[in-house]
Amino acid sequence: MKTNPPDDASVTNAKAGDAPRLTPTPPAQTESRAAPSFLARGGAWVVVQFVLMVAVALLGVLFHGRWTSPLLRVAGAALFVVGAVFGVAGGVVLGRNLTPFLQPPPGAELRQRGIYAHVRHPLYTGVMLTSAGWGLLCQSTEAFVVALALIPLLAGKARREEQCLRGQFPEYADYQRSVPQFWPRWHR
């Protein structure tokens, strides 16, 4: 059975007929560079966002029915649905470019079509709306308050992400000037 040498090694033969020897390739000669650390990619933002999103979901279930208002339940359901539409539309347009981190993945393209022609951060809009909607739908003060805490967090994350986007895509500054951050313009 023939085996291939590891990617980070080279095969050398001392003399014809000798068994091949594996010699490690020095790190300077390898083609790939080390990936940035989790924190350098914006991992802290991702963790805090995830914790708050899970908290909203759990608090809505654990502390539901704090008030009784059919109107607020309907408003919550509407926010949840609209938020889901923003989120799904953003995810579909991003496709393989989708990442929870601040920096776009290598080879990513700037998307300015679909929902991105109307808002720069539809995924964040979706998280804000679905979270607030969930708090209202469950009639949970605790879930709604944590959902509100997501708003400044996502606004801060968006600012940091846009710094990365301006660095990677020179045309982002023009896009940023012409398209609203979270809420679409209702008239043109």
C-alpha atoms as a PDB file:
ATOM      1  CA  MET A   1       0.000   0.000   0.000  1.00  0.00           C
ATOM      2  CA  LYS A   2       1.353   3.384  -1.001  1.00  0.00           C
ATOM      3  CA  THR A   3       0.927   6.381   1.293  1.00  0.00           C
ATOM      4  CA  ASN A   4       1.317  10.029   0.459  1.00  0.00           C
ATOM      5  CA  PRO A   5       3.640  12.172   2.559  1.00  0.00           C
ATOM      6  CA  PRO A   6       2.085  14.800   4.819  1.00  0.00           C
ATOM      7  CA  ASP A   7       1.548  18.237   3.272  1.00  0.00           C
ATOM      8  CA  ASP A   8       4.194  19.822   5.463  1.00  0.00           C
ATOM      9  CA  ALA A   9       6.984  17.387   4.582  1.00  0.00           C
ATOM     10  CA  SER A  10       9.102  16.585   1.556  1.00  0.00           C
ATOM     11  CA  VAL A  11      10.422  13.203   0.444  1.00  0.00           C
ATOM     12  CA  THR A  12      14.128  12.783  -0.167  1.00  0.00           C
ATOM     13  CA  ASN A  13      16.168   9.782  -1.305  1.00  0.00           C
ATOM     14  CA  ALA A  14      19.784   9.385  -0.290  1.00  0.00           C
ATOM     15  CA  LYS A  15      20.604   6.807  -3.001  1.00  0.00           C
ATOM     16  CA  ALA A  16      18.626   4.893  -5.538  1.00  0.00           C
ATOM     17  CA  GLY A  17      16.979   1.911  -3.856  1.00  0.00           C
ATOM     18  CA  ASP A  18      16.977   3.452  -0.368  1.00  0.00           C
ATOM     19  CA  ALA A  19      13.656   3.920   1.390  1.00  0.00           C
ATOM     20  CA  PRO A  20      12.343   7.459   1.066  1.00  0.00           C
ATOM     21  CA  ARG A  21      12.800   9.683   4.123  1.00  0.00           C
ATOM     22  CA  LEU A  22      10.387  12.356   5.211  1.00  0.00           C
ATOM     23  CA  THR A  23      11.959  15.670   6.067  1.00  0.00           C
ATOM     24  CA  PRO A  24       9.834  18.484   7.440  1.00  0.00           C
ATOM     25  CA  THR A  25       9.478  21.565   5.285  1.00  0.00           C
ATOM     26  CA  PRO A  26      10.630  24.645   7.180  1.00  0.00           C
ATOM     27  CA  PRO A  27       7.741  26.923   8.190  1.00  0.00           C
ATOM     28  CA  ALA A  28       8.989  29.743   5.964  1.00  0.00           C
ATOM     29  CA  GLN A  29       8.479  27.540   2.902  1.00  0.00           C
ATOM     30  CA  THR A  30       4.902  26.498   3.581  1.00  0.00           C
ATOM     31  CA  GLU A  31       2.283  28.163   1.395  1.00  0.00           C
ATOM     32  CA  SER A  32      -0.370  28.781   4.021  1.00  0.00           C
ATOM     33  CA  ARG A  33      -0.098  31.396   6.723  1.00  0.00           C
ATOM     34  CA  ALA A  34      -1.517  30.974  10.188  1.00  0.00           C
ATOM     35  CA  ALA A  35      -5.136  32.043  10.421  1.00  0.00           C
ATOM     36  CA  PRO A  36      -5.847  35.033  12.655  1.00  0.00           C
ATOM     37  CA  SER A  37      -6.858  34.136  16.181  1.00  0.00           C
ATOM     38  CA  PHE A  38     -10.486  33.865  17.226  1.00  0.00           C
ATOM     39  CA  LEU A  39     -10.271  37.163  19.118  1.00  0.00           C
ATOM     40  CA  ALA A  40      -8.458  38.963  16.280  1.00  0.00           C
ATOM     41  CA  ARG A  41     -11.306  37.987  13.929  1.00  0.00           C
ATOM     42  CA  GLY A  42     -13.878  39.548  16.285  1.00  0.00           C
ATOM     43  CA  GLY A  43     -14.646  36.454  18.337  1.00  0.00           C
ATOM     44  CA  ALA A  44     -15.538  38.440  21.453  1.00  0.00           C
ATOM     45  CA  TRP A  45     -18.314  40.222  19.526  1.00  0.00           C
ATOM     46  CA  VAL A  46     -19.579  36.854  18.268  1.00  0.00           C
ATOM     47  CA  VAL A  47     -19.603  35.303  21.756  1.00  0.00           C
ATOM     48  CA  VAL A  48     -21.446  38.218  23.378  1.00  0.00           C
ATOM     49  CA  GLN A  49     -23.973  38.323  20.519  1.00  0.00           C
ATOM     50  CA  PHE A  50     -24.547  34.576  20.803  1.00  0.00           C
ATOM     51  CA  VAL A  51     -24.977  34.727  24.592  1.00  0.00           C
ATOM     52  CA  LEU A  52     -27.516  37.554  24.335  1.00  0.00           C
ATOM     53  CA  MET A  53     -29.446  35.800  21.558  1.00  0.00           C
ATOM     54  CA  VAL A  54     -29.645  32.573  23.577  1.00  0.00           C
ATOM     55  CA  ALA A  55     -30.650  34.582  26.655  1.00  0.00           C
ATOM     56  CA  VAL A  56     -33.520  36.203  24.734  1.00  0.00           C
ATOM     57  CA  ALA A  57     -34.734  32.804  23.567  1.00  0.00           C
ATOM     58  CA  LEU A  58     -34.515  31.176  27.002  1.00  0.00           C
ATOM     59  CA  LEU A  59     -35.923  34.123  28.942  1.00  0.00           C
ATOM     60  CA  GLY A  60     -38.895  34.227  26.581  1.00  0.00           C
ATOM     61  CA  VAL A  61     -39.671  30.624  27.449  1.00  0.00           C
ATOM     62  CA  LEU A  62     -38.838  30.753  31.162  1.00  0.00           C
ATOM     63  CA  PHE A  63     -40.515  34.083  31.961  1.00  0.00           C
ATOM     64  CA  HIS A  64     -43.433  34.151  29.532  1.00  0.00           C
ATOM     65  CA  GLY A  65     -46.821  35.696  30.153  1.00  0.00           C
ATOM     66  CA  ARG A  66     -45.662  38.610  32.308  1.00  0.00           C
ATOM     67  CA  TRP A  67     -48.452  40.702  30.842  1.00  0.00           C
ATOM     68  CA  THR A  68     -51.534  39.974  28.797  1.00  0.00           C
ATOM     69  CA  SER A  69     -51.897  42.007  25.657  1.00  0.00           C
ATOM     70  CA  PRO A  70     -53.119  40.507  22.402  1.00  0.00           C
ATOM     71  CA  LEU A  71     -51.990  43.662  20.606  1.00  0.00           C
ATOM     72  CA  LEU A  72     -48.388  43.239  21.850  1.00  0.00           C
ATOM     73  CA  ARG A  73     -48.447  39.566  20.854  1.00  0.00           C
ATOM     74  CA  VAL A  74     -49.512  40.524  17.331  1.00  0.00           C
ATOM     75  CA  ALA A  75     -46.836  43.234  17.195  1.00  0.00           C
ATOM     76  CA  GLY A  76     -44.276  40.714  18.433  1.00  0.00           C
ATOM     77  CA  ALA A  77     -45.273  38.180  15.803  1.00  0.00           C
ATOM     78  CA  ALA A  78     -45.052  40.855  13.094  1.00  0.00           C
ATOM     79  CA  LEU A  79     -41.570  41.952  14.249  1.00  0.00           C
ATOM     80  CA  PHE A  80     -40.445  38.339  14.412  1.00  0.00           C
ATOM     81  CA  VAL A  81     -41.625  37.593  10.869  1.00  0.00           C
ATOM     82  CA  VAL A  82     -40.186  40.798   9.383  1.00  0.00           C
ATOM     83  CA  GLY A  83     -36.891  40.142  11.184  1.00  0.00           C
ATOM     84  CA  ALA A  84     -36.806  36.603   9.831  1.00  0.00           C
ATOM     85  CA  VAL A  85     -37.350  37.940   6.308  1.00  0.00           C
ATOM     86  CA  PHE A  86     -34.424  40.374   6.711  1.00  0.00           C
ATOM     87  CA  GLY A  87     -32.204  37.608   8.089  1.00  0.00           C
ATOM     88  CA  VAL A  88     -33.042  35.009   5.451  1.00  0.00           C
ATOM     89  CA  ALA A  89     -32.768  37.551   2.626  1.00  0.00           C
ATOM     90  CA  GLY A  90     -29.349  38.656   3.885  1.00  0.00           C
ATOM     91  CA  GLY A  91     -28.109  35.098   4.276  1.00  0.00           C
ATOM     92  CA  VAL A  92     -29.271  34.119   0.798  1.00  0.00           C
ATOM     93  CA  VAL A  93     -27.521  37.076  -0.844  1.00  0.00           C
ATOM     94  CA  LEU A  94     -24.297  36.518   1.118  1.00  0.00           C
ATOM     95  CA  GLY A  95     -24.160  32.798   0.402  1.00  0.00           C
ATOM     96  CA  ARG A  96     -20.599  31.574   0.935  1.00  0.00           C
ATOM     97  CA  ASN A  97     -19.548  35.037   2.134  1.00  0.00           C
ATOM     98  CA  LEU A  98     -21.632  34.596   5.309  1.00  0.00           C
ATOM     99  CA  THR A  99     -19.568  34.738   8.497  1.00  0.00           C
ATOM    100  CA  PRO A 100     -20.288  35.746  12.090  1.00  0.00           C
ATOM    101  CA  PHE A 101     -16.911  37.493  12.275  1.00  0.00           C
ATOM    102  CA  LEU A 102     -16.002  41.099  11.506  1.00  0.00           C
ATOM    103  CA  GLN A 103     -13.619  40.354   8.644  1.00  0.00           C
ATOM    104  CA  PRO A 104     -15.098  38.892   5.443  1.00  0.00           C
ATOM    105  CA  PRO A 105     -13.719  35.477   4.481  1.00  0.00           C
ATOM    106  CA  PRO A 106     -10.845  35.340   1.966  1.00  0.00           C
ATOM    107  CA  GLY A 107     -12.059  35.856  -1.583  1.00  0.00           C
ATOM    108  CA  ALA A 108     -15.344  37.418  -0.441  1.00  0.00           C
ATOM    109  CA  GLU A 109     -17.138  39.849  -2.731  1.00  0.00           C
ATOM    110  CA  LEU A 110     -18.955  42.996  -1.646  1.00  0.00           C
ATOM    111  CA  ARG A 111     -22.678  42.366  -2.053  1.00  0.00           C
ATOM    112  CA  GLN A 112     -24.815  45.367  -3.012  1.00  0.00           C
ATOM    113  CA  ARG A 113     -27.811  43.604  -4.543  1.00  0.00           C
ATOM    114  CA  GLY A 114     -31.024  42.186  -3.114  1.00  0.00           C
ATOM    115  CA  ILE A 115     -31.658  43.265   0.459  1.00  0.00           C
ATOM    116  CA  TYR A 116     -28.149  44.787   0.524  1.00  0.00           C
ATOM    117  CA  ALA A 117     -29.352  47.443  -1.929  1.00  0.00           C
ATOM    118  CA  HIS A 118     -31.660  48.677   0.861  1.00  0.00           C
ATOM    119  CA  VAL A 119     -29.694  48.122   4.096  1.00  0.00           C
ATOM    120  CA  ARG A 120     -26.029  47.419   4.780  1.00  0.00           C
ATOM    121  CA  HIS A 121     -26.618  45.034   7.703  1.00  0.00           C
ATOM    122  CA  PRO A 122     -29.836  43.059   7.146  1.00  0.00           C
ATOM    123  CA  LEU A 123     -28.631  40.197   9.323  1.00  0.00           C
ATOM    124  CA  TYR A 124     -28.243  42.530  12.303  1.00  0.00           C
ATOM    125  CA  THR A 125     -31.610  44.102  11.530  1.00  0.00           C
ATOM    126  CA  GLY A 126     -33.052  40.598  11.497  1.00  0.00           C
ATOM    127  CA  VAL A 127     -31.520  39.737  14.873  1.00  0.00           C
ATOM    128  CA  MET A 128     -32.808  42.976  16.416  1.00  0.00           C
ATOM    129  CA  LEU A 129     -36.341  42.533  15.094  1.00  0.00           C
ATOM    130  CA  THR A 130     -36.697  38.812  15.804  1.00  0.00           C
ATOM    131  CA  SER A 131     -35.311  39.239  19.321  1.00  0.00           C
ATOM    132  CA  ALA A 132     -37.629  42.133  20.182  1.00  0.00           C
ATOM    133  CA  GLY A 133     -40.492  40.296  18.517  1.00  0.00           C
ATOM    134  CA  TRP A 134     -39.775  37.178  20.563  1.00  0.00           C
ATOM    135  CA  GLY A 135     -39.848  39.172  23.798  1.00  0.00           C
ATOM    136  CA  LEU A 136     -43.215  40.690  22.875  1.00  0.00           C
ATOM    137  CA  LEU A 137     -44.624  37.440  21.521  1.00  0.00           C
ATOM    138  CA  CYS A 138     -43.737  35.622  24.746  1.00  0.00           C
ATOM    139  CA  GLN A 139     -44.854  38.641  26.786  1.00  0.00           C
ATOM    140  CA  SER A 140     -41.566  38.506  28.672  1.00  0.00           C
ATOM    141  CA  THR A 141     -40.146  41.702  30.120  1.00  0.00           C
ATOM    142  CA  GLU A 142     -36.805  39.952  30.735  1.00  0.00           C
ATOM    143  CA  ALA A 143     -36.476  38.711  27.142  1.00  0.00           C
ATOM    144  CA  PHE A 144     -37.500  42.091  25.740  1.00  0.00           C
ATOM    145  CA  VAL A 145     -34.948  43.969  27.884  1.00  0.00           C
ATOM    146  CA  VAL A 146     -32.130  41.640  26.764  1.00  0.00           C
ATOM    147  CA  ALA A 147     -33.322  42.045  23.169  1.00  0.00           C
ATOM    148  CA  LEU A 148     -32.952  45.801  23.565  1.00  0.00           C
ATOM    149  CA  ALA A 149     -29.374  45.226  24.795  1.00  0.00           C
ATOM    150  CA  LEU A 150     -28.606  43.630  21.434  1.00  0.00           C
ATOM    151  CA  ILE A 151     -29.193  46.951  19.652  1.00  0.00           C
ATOM    152  CA  PRO A 152     -26.105  48.833  20.933  1.00  0.00           C
ATOM    153  CA  LEU A 153     -24.043  45.651  20.722  1.00  0.00           C
ATOM    154  CA  LEU A 154     -24.912  45.116  17.058  1.00  0.00           C
ATOM    155  CA  ALA A 155     -24.450  48.817  16.278  1.00  0.00           C
ATOM    156  CA  GLY A 156     -20.934  48.615  17.735  1.00  0.00           C
ATOM    157  CA  LYS A 157     -20.189  45.384  15.911  1.00  0.00           C
ATOM    158  CA  ALA A 158     -21.402  46.942  12.654  1.00  0.00           C
ATOM    159  CA  ARG A 159     -19.070  49.940  13.131  1.00  0.00           C
ATOM    160  CA  ARG A 160     -16.079  47.644  13.645  1.00  0.00           C
ATOM    161  CA  GLU A 161     -17.115  45.443  10.711  1.00  0.00           C
ATOM    162  CA  GLU A 162     -17.389  48.472   8.456  1.00  0.00           C
ATOM    163  CA  GLN A 163     -13.799  49.421   9.271  1.00  0.00           C
ATOM    164  CA  CYS A 164     -12.761  46.004   7.966  1.00  0.00           C
ATOM    165  CA  LEU A 165     -15.001  46.320   4.917  1.00  0.00           C
ATOM    166  CA  ARG A 166     -13.595  49.747   3.996  1.00  0.00           C
ATOM    167  CA  GLY A 167     -10.100  48.274   4.227  1.00  0.00           C
ATOM    168  CA  GLN A 168     -10.947  45.290   2.023  1.00  0.00           C
ATOM    169  CA  PHE A 169     -13.287  46.958  -0.478  1.00  0.00           C
ATOM    170  CA  PRO A 170     -12.378  50.488  -1.673  1.00  0.00           C
ATOM    171  CA  GLU A 171     -15.924  50.952  -3.031  1.00  0.00           C
ATOM    172  CA  TYR A 172     -17.445  50.372   0.416  1.00  0.00           C
ATOM    173  CA  ALA A 173     -17.204  54.056   1.388  1.00  0.00           C
ATOM    174  CA  ASP A 174     -19.530  55.036  -1.502  1.00  0.00           C
ATOM    175  CA  TYR A 175     -21.892  52.174  -0.641  1.00  0.00           C
ATOM    176  CA  GLN A 176     -21.864  53.285   2.997  1.00  0.00           C
ATOM    177  CA  ARG A 177     -22.843  56.831   2.032  1.00  0.00           C
ATOM    178  CA  SER A 178     -25.734  55.746  -0.180  1.00  0.00           C
ATOM    179  CA  VAL A 179     -27.337  52.821   1.721  1.00  0.00           C
ATOM    180  CA  PRO A 180     -28.726  53.034   5.287  1.00  0.00           C
ATOM    181  CA  GLN A 181     -27.159  50.896   7.982  1.00  0.00           C
ATOM    182  CA  PHE A 182     -30.137  49.000   9.479  1.00  0.00           C
ATOM    183  CA  TRP A 183     -33.466  50.494   8.418  1.00  0.00           C
ATOM    184  CA  PRO A 184     -34.450  50.920   4.761  1.00  0.00           C
ATOM    185  CA  ARG A 185     -35.640  54.260   3.457  1.00  0.00           C
ATOM    186  CA  TRP A 186     -39.338  54.064   2.803  1.00  0.00           C
ATOM    187  CA  HIS A 187     -39.241  56.685   0.058  1.00  0.00           C
ATOM    188  CA  ARG A 188     -36.684  57.649  -2.545  1.00  0.00           C
END
